[in-house]
Amino acid sequence: HVKIIQSLVPIFAALFLGFLLESCEDKKKETFDLISNAPYAGYLYLCTRATESKEGRLVMRYNNSEQEVSHIGIAFSLPEEGEIYNMYYDKKHQLSNDLVKENNQQFFVSDQAQNNKIWAIPVTKEEYENALHYLNAAHQRSVQFDFEIDTTNDEELYCSELVYNILVAANAKRFALETSTSKLKKLEYLIMKKEEVSYYPVDFFLSYPDVIPIDFEYSKES
């Protein structure tokens, strides 16, 4: 029984809190070169989506708000002009780095177009450059997907953890937040070997008072 439970750990970790298992289609993902010339325009852009899959609905059960958000990435210019950086759950383990870049068509795959959203956060040039430095450093380390939901391990990240870490690197005093905590049910406890889990929900950014929703709607059918 112990071996069976241990074998379930990565499976449960992937399903639990769905940040981990956002329903991604099997399509080619791109790693990226270091970003050195991203133009500073006064903002960082948080890109979110929500899907009606079992995994997507599971994620949203652990959010702090009623917003339909189940996956998050970050862009250094408006996504129409640039790329969206996010953590990808590589089911087939084909990537050496699970930190990938996507364009609009790849990232915004919500079942309802209104659930594809962009949020702007005003930042100083120094904050912008700090965020850029963190992303480049994470890329160089070949970051893997975080199945353990461990916010203390910077070598493995899930989607909201990546974006949160980038913002904290930009300005820890301004963006640092406490993790959310959920108690685990009996089966979850047996598998995870802990009574509760601490994590950054996908909608964590709504805690910041200066987040600005951008008028944007992208349909995957367009």
C-alpha atoms as a PDB file:
ATOM      1  CA  HIS A   1       0.000   0.000   0.000  1.00  0.00           C
ATOM      2  CA  VAL A   2       2.857   2.355   0.749  1.00  0.00           C
ATOM      3  CA  LYS A   3       4.287   1.854  -2.736  1.00  0.00           C
ATOM      4  CA  ILE A   4       0.897   2.465  -4.312  1.00  0.00           C
ATOM      5  CA  ILE A   5       0.428   5.684  -2.348  1.00  0.00           C
ATOM      6  CA  GLN A   6       3.946   6.857  -3.189  1.00  0.00           C
ATOM      7  CA  SER A   7       3.326   6.170  -6.861  1.00  0.00           C
ATOM      8  CA  LEU A   8       0.248   8.397  -6.721  1.00  0.00           C
ATOM      9  CA  VAL A   9       2.154  11.438  -5.412  1.00  0.00           C
ATOM     10  CA  PRO A  10       3.082  12.958  -8.805  1.00  0.00           C
ATOM     11  CA  ILE A  11      -0.360  12.133 -10.200  1.00  0.00           C
ATOM     12  CA  PHE A  12      -2.206  13.770  -7.338  1.00  0.00           C
ATOM     13  CA  ALA A  13       0.157  16.723  -7.270  1.00  0.00           C
ATOM     14  CA  ALA A  14      -0.581  17.288 -10.939  1.00  0.00           C
ATOM     15  CA  LEU A  15      -4.332  17.112 -10.444  1.00  0.00           C
ATOM     16  CA  PHE A  16      -4.524  18.899  -7.128  1.00  0.00           C
ATOM     17  CA  LEU A  17      -4.907  22.643  -7.516  1.00  0.00           C
ATOM     18  CA  GLY A  18      -5.016  22.363 -11.276  1.00  0.00           C
ATOM     19  CA  PHE A  19      -2.500  25.157 -11.729  1.00  0.00           C
ATOM     20  CA  LEU A  20      -0.554  22.144 -12.388  1.00  0.00           C
ATOM     21  CA  LEU A  21      -2.692  20.485 -15.000  1.00  0.00           C
ATOM     22  CA  GLU A  22      -4.132  23.260 -17.088  1.00  0.00           C
ATOM     23  CA  SER A  23      -5.733  21.555 -20.091  1.00  0.00           C
ATOM     24  CA  CYS A  24      -3.103  22.248 -22.706  1.00  0.00           C
ATOM     25  CA  GLU A  25      -3.391  20.861 -26.185  1.00  0.00           C
ATOM     26  CA  ASP A  26      -0.516  18.755 -27.452  1.00  0.00           C
ATOM     27  CA  LYS A  27       1.246  21.311 -29.581  1.00  0.00           C
ATOM     28  CA  LYS A  28       4.802  22.399 -30.016  1.00  0.00           C
ATOM     29  CA  LYS A  29       6.056  24.713 -27.287  1.00  0.00           C
ATOM     30  CA  GLU A  30       8.932  27.089 -27.766  1.00  0.00           C
ATOM     31  CA  THR A  31      11.788  27.835 -25.470  1.00  0.00           C
ATOM     32  CA  PHE A  32      13.243  31.281 -26.032  1.00  0.00           C
ATOM     33  CA  ASP A  33      16.400  33.304 -26.286  1.00  0.00           C
ATOM     34  CA  LEU A  34      17.305  35.705 -23.508  1.00  0.00           C
ATOM     35  CA  ILE A  35      15.262  38.898 -23.650  1.00  0.00           C
ATOM     36  CA  SER A  36      17.595  41.864 -23.697  1.00  0.00           C
ATOM     37  CA  ASN A  37      15.759  44.524 -25.683  1.00  0.00           C
ATOM     38  CA  ALA A  38      12.207  44.375 -24.355  1.00  0.00           C
ATOM     39  CA  PRO A  39      10.939  47.972 -24.673  1.00  0.00           C
ATOM     40  CA  TYR A  40       9.875  49.564 -21.395  1.00  0.00           C
ATOM     41  CA  ALA A  41       6.399  51.073 -21.712  1.00  0.00           C
ATOM     42  CA  GLY A  42       5.504  51.492 -18.046  1.00  0.00           C
ATOM     43  CA  TYR A  43       3.674  48.189 -17.503  1.00  0.00           C
ATOM     44  CA  LEU A  44       3.908  44.467 -17.060  1.00  0.00           C
ATOM     45  CA  TYR A  45       0.997  42.497 -18.497  1.00  0.00           C
ATOM     46  CA  LEU A  46      -0.595  39.512 -16.784  1.00  0.00           C
ATOM     47  CA  CYS A  47      -2.409  37.215 -19.204  1.00  0.00           C
ATOM     48  CA  THR A  48      -5.090  34.861 -17.913  1.00  0.00           C
ATOM     49  CA  ARG A  49      -7.477  32.286 -19.253  1.00  0.00           C
ATOM     50  CA  ALA A  50     -10.129  29.922 -17.920  1.00  0.00           C
ATOM     51  CA  THR A  51     -11.292  26.612 -19.314  1.00  0.00           C
ATOM     52  CA  GLU A  52     -14.296  24.445 -18.563  1.00  0.00           C
ATOM     53  CA  SER A  53     -12.201  21.291 -18.265  1.00  0.00           C
ATOM     54  CA  LYS A  54     -12.172  19.310 -15.020  1.00  0.00           C
ATOM     55  CA  GLU A  55      -8.696  20.614 -14.314  1.00  0.00           C
ATOM     56  CA  GLY A  56      -9.681  24.209 -15.012  1.00  0.00           C
ATOM     57  CA  ARG A  57     -12.708  24.027 -12.725  1.00  0.00           C
ATOM     58  CA  LEU A  58     -10.547  22.449 -10.020  1.00  0.00           C
ATOM     59  CA  VAL A  59      -8.086  25.326 -10.168  1.00  0.00           C
ATOM     60  CA  MET A  60     -10.789  27.915  -9.739  1.00  0.00           C
ATOM     61  CA  ARG A  61     -12.109  26.218  -6.604  1.00  0.00           C
ATOM     62  CA  TYR A  62      -8.880  27.274  -4.910  1.00  0.00           C
ATOM     63  CA  ASN A  63      -8.890  30.873  -6.104  1.00  0.00           C
ATOM     64  CA  ASN A  64      -9.553  33.764  -3.730  1.00  0.00           C
ATOM     65  CA  SER A  65     -12.105  35.495  -5.956  1.00  0.00           C
ATOM     66  CA  GLU A  66     -14.984  34.712  -8.290  1.00  0.00           C
ATOM     67  CA  GLN A  67     -12.926  35.617 -11.349  1.00  0.00           C
ATOM     68  CA  GLU A  68     -12.806  32.922 -14.038  1.00  0.00           C
ATOM     69  CA  VAL A  69      -9.050  32.352 -14.001  1.00  0.00           C
ATOM     70  CA  SER A  70      -7.337  28.982 -14.252  1.00  0.00           C
ATOM     71  CA  HIS A  71      -3.964  29.760 -15.860  1.00  0.00           C
ATOM     72  CA  ILE A  72      -1.652  32.777 -15.902  1.00  0.00           C
ATOM     73  CA  GLY A  73       1.370  34.021 -17.807  1.00  0.00           C
ATOM     74  CA  ILE A  74       3.244  37.296 -18.115  1.00  0.00           C
ATOM     75  CA  ALA A  75       4.177  39.577 -21.017  1.00  0.00           C
ATOM     76  CA  PHE A  76       6.629  42.467 -21.146  1.00  0.00           C
ATOM     77  CA  SER A  77       4.675  44.251 -23.856  1.00  0.00           C
ATOM     78  CA  LEU A  78       1.075  43.945 -24.979  1.00  0.00           C
ATOM     79  CA  PRO A  79       0.593  40.343 -26.181  1.00  0.00           C
ATOM     80  CA  GLU A  80      -0.502  41.610 -29.583  1.00  0.00           C
ATOM     81  CA  GLU A  81       3.064  42.847 -29.930  1.00  0.00           C
ATOM     82  CA  GLY A  82       5.072  40.407 -27.837  1.00  0.00           C
ATOM     83  CA  GLU A  83       5.108  36.942 -26.302  1.00  0.00           C
ATOM     84  CA  ILE A  84       3.493  35.439 -23.207  1.00  0.00           C
ATOM     85  CA  TYR A  85       5.803  33.569 -20.823  1.00  0.00           C
ATOM     86  CA  ASN A  86       4.340  30.803 -18.690  1.00  0.00           C
ATOM     87  CA  MET A  87       4.906  27.387 -17.156  1.00  0.00           C
ATOM     88  CA  TYR A  88       3.794  24.472 -19.289  1.00  0.00           C
ATOM     89  CA  TYR A  89       2.913  21.028 -17.970  1.00  0.00           C
ATOM     90  CA  ASP A  90       4.921  18.842 -20.335  1.00  0.00           C
ATOM     91  CA  LYS A  91       2.966  15.588 -20.266  1.00  0.00           C
ATOM     92  CA  LYS A  92       5.402  13.821 -22.587  1.00  0.00           C
ATOM     93  CA  HIS A  93       8.537  15.268 -20.944  1.00  0.00           C
ATOM     94  CA  GLN A  94       9.851  16.424 -24.289  1.00  0.00           C
ATOM     95  CA  LEU A  95      11.115  19.788 -23.077  1.00  0.00           C
ATOM     96  CA  SER A  96      14.323  20.465 -21.186  1.00  0.00           C
ATOM     97  CA  ASN A  97      12.749  23.684 -19.920  1.00  0.00           C
ATOM     98  CA  ASP A  98       9.059  23.961 -18.957  1.00  0.00           C
ATOM     99  CA  LEU A  99       9.226  27.769 -18.990  1.00  0.00           C
ATOM    100  CA  VAL A 100       7.925  28.564 -22.468  1.00  0.00           C
ATOM    101  CA  LYS A 101       6.755  31.459 -24.604  1.00  0.00           C
ATOM    102  CA  GLU A 102       3.472  31.478 -26.506  1.00  0.00           C
ATOM    103  CA  ASN A 103       1.687  33.813 -28.873  1.00  0.00           C
ATOM    104  CA  ASN A 104      -1.978  34.826 -28.577  1.00  0.00           C
ATOM    105  CA  GLN A 105      -3.288  31.837 -30.478  1.00  0.00           C
ATOM    106  CA  GLN A 106      -1.367  29.371 -28.318  1.00  0.00           C
ATOM    107  CA  PHE A 107      -2.114  30.940 -24.950  1.00  0.00           C
ATOM    108  CA  PHE A 108      -5.661  32.276 -25.143  1.00  0.00           C
ATOM    109  CA  VAL A 109      -7.645  29.040 -25.440  1.00  0.00           C
ATOM    110  CA  SER A 110     -10.523  29.721 -23.051  1.00  0.00           C
ATOM    111  CA  ASP A 111     -13.831  28.115 -24.001  1.00  0.00           C
ATOM    112  CA  GLN A 112     -15.460  31.561 -23.751  1.00  0.00           C
ATOM    113  CA  ALA A 113     -13.682  34.505 -25.396  1.00  0.00           C
ATOM    114  CA  GLN A 114     -14.498  36.800 -22.460  1.00  0.00           C
ATOM    115  CA  ASN A 115     -12.387  34.568 -20.196  1.00  0.00           C
ATOM    116  CA  ASN A 116      -9.236  35.435 -22.150  1.00  0.00           C
ATOM    117  CA  LYS A 117      -8.018  38.481 -20.240  1.00  0.00           C
ATOM    118  CA  ILE A 118      -5.099  40.879 -19.917  1.00  0.00           C
ATOM    119  CA  TRP A 119      -4.312  42.858 -16.787  1.00  0.00           C
ATOM    120  CA  ALA A 120      -1.753  45.678 -16.658  1.00  0.00           C
ATOM    121  CA  ILE A 121       0.400  46.486 -13.641  1.00  0.00           C
ATOM    122  CA  PRO A 122       2.237  49.824 -13.717  1.00  0.00           C
ATOM    123  CA  VAL A 123       5.932  49.435 -12.935  1.00  0.00           C
ATOM    124  CA  THR A 124       8.982  51.642 -12.811  1.00  0.00           C
ATOM    125  CA  LYS A 125      11.834  51.060 -15.244  1.00  0.00           C
ATOM    126  CA  GLU A 126      13.880  49.544 -12.423  1.00  0.00           C
ATOM    127  CA  GLU A 127      11.055  47.164 -11.514  1.00  0.00           C
ATOM    128  CA  TYR A 128      10.659  46.249 -15.174  1.00  0.00           C
ATOM    129  CA  GLU A 129      14.352  45.463 -15.530  1.00  0.00           C
ATOM    130  CA  ASN A 130      14.369  43.434 -12.295  1.00  0.00           C
ATOM    131  CA  ALA A 131      11.461  41.358 -13.602  1.00  0.00           C
ATOM    132  CA  LEU A 132      13.239  40.839 -16.903  1.00  0.00           C
ATOM    133  CA  HIS A 133      16.394  39.749 -15.092  1.00  0.00           C
ATOM    134  CA  TYR A 134      14.472  37.126 -13.094  1.00  0.00           C
ATOM    135  CA  LEU A 135      12.832  35.699 -16.221  1.00  0.00           C
ATOM    136  CA  ASN A 136      16.140  35.446 -18.048  1.00  0.00           C
ATOM    137  CA  ALA A 137      17.828  33.823 -15.038  1.00  0.00           C
ATOM    138  CA  ALA A 138      14.987  31.307 -14.693  1.00  0.00           C
ATOM    139  CA  HIS A 139      15.270  30.503 -18.396  1.00  0.00           C
ATOM    140  CA  GLN A 140      18.996  29.876 -18.073  1.00  0.00           C
ATOM    141  CA  ARG A 141      18.383  27.460 -15.169  1.00  0.00           C
ATOM    142  CA  SER A 142      15.987  25.338 -17.275  1.00  0.00           C
ATOM    143  CA  VAL A 143      13.122  25.488 -14.782  1.00  0.00           C
ATOM    144  CA  GLN A 144      10.887  22.439 -14.500  1.00  0.00           C
ATOM    145  CA  PHE A 145       7.202  22.214 -13.628  1.00  0.00           C
ATOM    146  CA  ASP A 146       6.504  22.084  -9.866  1.00  0.00           C
ATOM    147  CA  PHE A 147       4.576  18.926  -9.003  1.00  0.00           C
ATOM    148  CA  GLU A 148       5.270  19.250  -5.285  1.00  0.00           C
ATOM    149  CA  ILE A 149       3.510  22.613  -4.856  1.00  0.00           C
ATOM    150  CA  ASP A 150       6.622  23.778  -3.026  1.00  0.00           C
ATOM    151  CA  THR A 151       6.899  27.559  -2.920  1.00  0.00           C
ATOM    152  CA  THR A 152      10.368  27.366  -1.337  1.00  0.00           C
ATOM    153  CA  ASN A 153      11.966  25.670  -4.357  1.00  0.00           C
ATOM    154  CA  ASP A 154      12.876  28.154  -7.080  1.00  0.00           C
ATOM    155  CA  GLU A 155      14.077  25.426  -9.431  1.00  0.00           C
ATOM    156  CA  GLU A 156      10.554  24.118 -10.040  1.00  0.00           C
ATOM    157  CA  LEU A 157       7.570  26.404 -10.557  1.00  0.00           C
ATOM    158  CA  TYR A 158       3.862  26.229 -11.346  1.00  0.00           C
ATOM    159  CA  CYS A 159       2.127  28.939 -13.372  1.00  0.00           C
ATOM    160  CA  SER A 160       1.096  31.409 -10.676  1.00  0.00           C
ATOM    161  CA  GLU A 161       4.327  30.799  -8.765  1.00  0.00           C
ATOM    162  CA  LEU A 162       6.361  31.896 -11.790  1.00  0.00           C
ATOM    163  CA  VAL A 163       4.404  35.125 -12.230  1.00  0.00           C
ATOM    164  CA  TYR A 164       4.429  35.847  -8.501  1.00  0.00           C
ATOM    165  CA  ASN A 165       8.210  35.327  -8.310  1.00  0.00           C
ATOM    166  CA  ILE A 166       8.751  37.665 -11.247  1.00  0.00           C
ATOM    167  CA  LEU A 167       6.736  40.405  -9.530  1.00  0.00           C
ATOM    168  CA  VAL A 168       8.535  39.894  -6.213  1.00  0.00           C
ATOM    169  CA  ALA A 169      11.860  40.084  -8.047  1.00  0.00           C
ATOM    170  CA  ALA A 170      10.659  43.364  -9.528  1.00  0.00           C
ATOM    171  CA  ASN A 171       9.922  44.816  -6.089  1.00  0.00           C
ATOM    172  CA  ALA A 172       9.560  42.546  -3.059  1.00  0.00           C
ATOM    173  CA  LYS A 173       8.338  45.320  -0.781  1.00  0.00           C
ATOM    174  CA  ARG A 174       5.526  46.164  -3.168  1.00  0.00           C
ATOM    175  CA  PHE A 175       4.447  42.732  -4.420  1.00  0.00           C
ATOM    176  CA  ALA A 176       5.163  40.183  -1.663  1.00  0.00           C
ATOM    177  CA  LEU A 177       2.052  38.331  -0.443  1.00  0.00           C
ATOM    178  CA  GLU A 178       1.308  35.563   2.022  1.00  0.00           C
ATOM    179  CA  THR A 179       0.543  32.187   0.505  1.00  0.00           C
ATOM    180  CA  SER A 180      -2.976  30.801   0.672  1.00  0.00           C
ATOM    181  CA  THR A 181      -3.411  27.631   2.725  1.00  0.00           C
ATOM    182  CA  SER A 182      -5.892  24.781   2.289  1.00  0.00           C
ATOM    183  CA  LYS A 183      -6.350  21.756   4.518  1.00  0.00           C
ATOM    184  CA  LEU A 184      -6.163  18.426   2.768  1.00  0.00           C
ATOM    185  CA  LYS A 185      -8.763  15.709   2.927  1.00  0.00           C
ATOM    186  CA  LYS A 186      -7.884  12.258   4.229  1.00  0.00           C
ATOM    187  CA  LEU A 187      -6.836  10.729   0.903  1.00  0.00           C
ATOM    188  CA  GLU A 188      -4.966  13.872  -0.047  1.00  0.00           C
ATOM    189  CA  TYR A 189      -3.162  13.753   3.295  1.00  0.00           C
ATOM    190  CA  LEU A 190      -2.121  10.118   2.772  1.00  0.00           C
ATOM    191  CA  ILE A 191      -0.715  10.934  -0.646  1.00  0.00           C
ATOM    192  CA  MET A 192       0.927  14.286   0.054  1.00  0.00           C
ATOM    193  CA  LYS A 193       2.111  13.391   3.579  1.00  0.00           C
ATOM    194  CA  LYS A 194       1.034  16.762   4.950  1.00  0.00           C
ATOM    195  CA  GLU A 195      -2.154  18.116   6.474  1.00  0.00           C
ATOM    196  CA  GLU A 196      -2.300  21.290   4.439  1.00  0.00           C
ATOM    197  CA  VAL A 197      -0.764  22.876   1.381  1.00  0.00           C
ATOM    198  CA  SER A 198       0.366  26.474   0.880  1.00  0.00           C
ATOM    199  CA  TYR A 199       0.249  27.981  -2.590  1.00  0.00           C
ATOM    200  CA  TYR A 200      -0.250  31.099  -4.685  1.00  0.00           C
ATOM    201  CA  PRO A 201      -3.726  30.954  -6.282  1.00  0.00           C
ATOM    202  CA  VAL A 202      -3.980  31.843  -9.952  1.00  0.00           C
ATOM    203  CA  ASP A 203      -5.885  35.028  -9.109  1.00  0.00           C
ATOM    204  CA  PHE A 204      -3.338  36.226  -6.512  1.00  0.00           C
ATOM    205  CA  PHE A 205      -2.650  39.396  -8.514  1.00  0.00           C
ATOM    206  CA  LEU A 206      -6.123  40.749  -7.742  1.00  0.00           C
ATOM    207  CA  SER A 207      -4.795  41.542  -4.271  1.00  0.00           C
ATOM    208  CA  TYR A 208      -2.796  44.409  -5.773  1.00  0.00           C
ATOM    209  CA  PRO A 209      -4.763  47.686  -5.752  1.00  0.00           C
ATOM    210  CA  ASP A 210      -3.290  49.068  -8.983  1.00  0.00           C
ATOM    211  CA  VAL A 211      -4.056  46.166 -11.341  1.00  0.00           C
ATOM    212  CA  ILE A 212      -5.811  47.485 -14.458  1.00  0.00           C
ATOM    213  CA  PRO A 213      -8.049  45.252 -16.618  1.00  0.00           C
ATOM    214  CA  ILE A 214      -7.350  45.824 -20.316  1.00  0.00           C
ATOM    215  CA  ASP A 215     -10.193  45.955 -22.816  1.00  0.00           C
ATOM    216  CA  PHE A 216      -9.327  42.793 -24.709  1.00  0.00           C
ATOM    217  CA  GLU A 217     -11.155  39.842 -26.165  1.00  0.00           C
ATOM    218  CA  TYR A 218      -9.499  37.041 -28.103  1.00  0.00           C
ATOM    219  CA  SER A 219     -11.466  34.158 -29.575  1.00  0.00           C
ATOM    220  CA  LYS A 220      -9.617  30.926 -30.308  1.00  0.00           C
ATOM    221  CA  GLU A 221     -11.946  30.489 -33.272  1.00  0.00           C
ATOM    222  CA  SER A 222     -10.960  33.778 -34.868  1.00  0.00           C
END
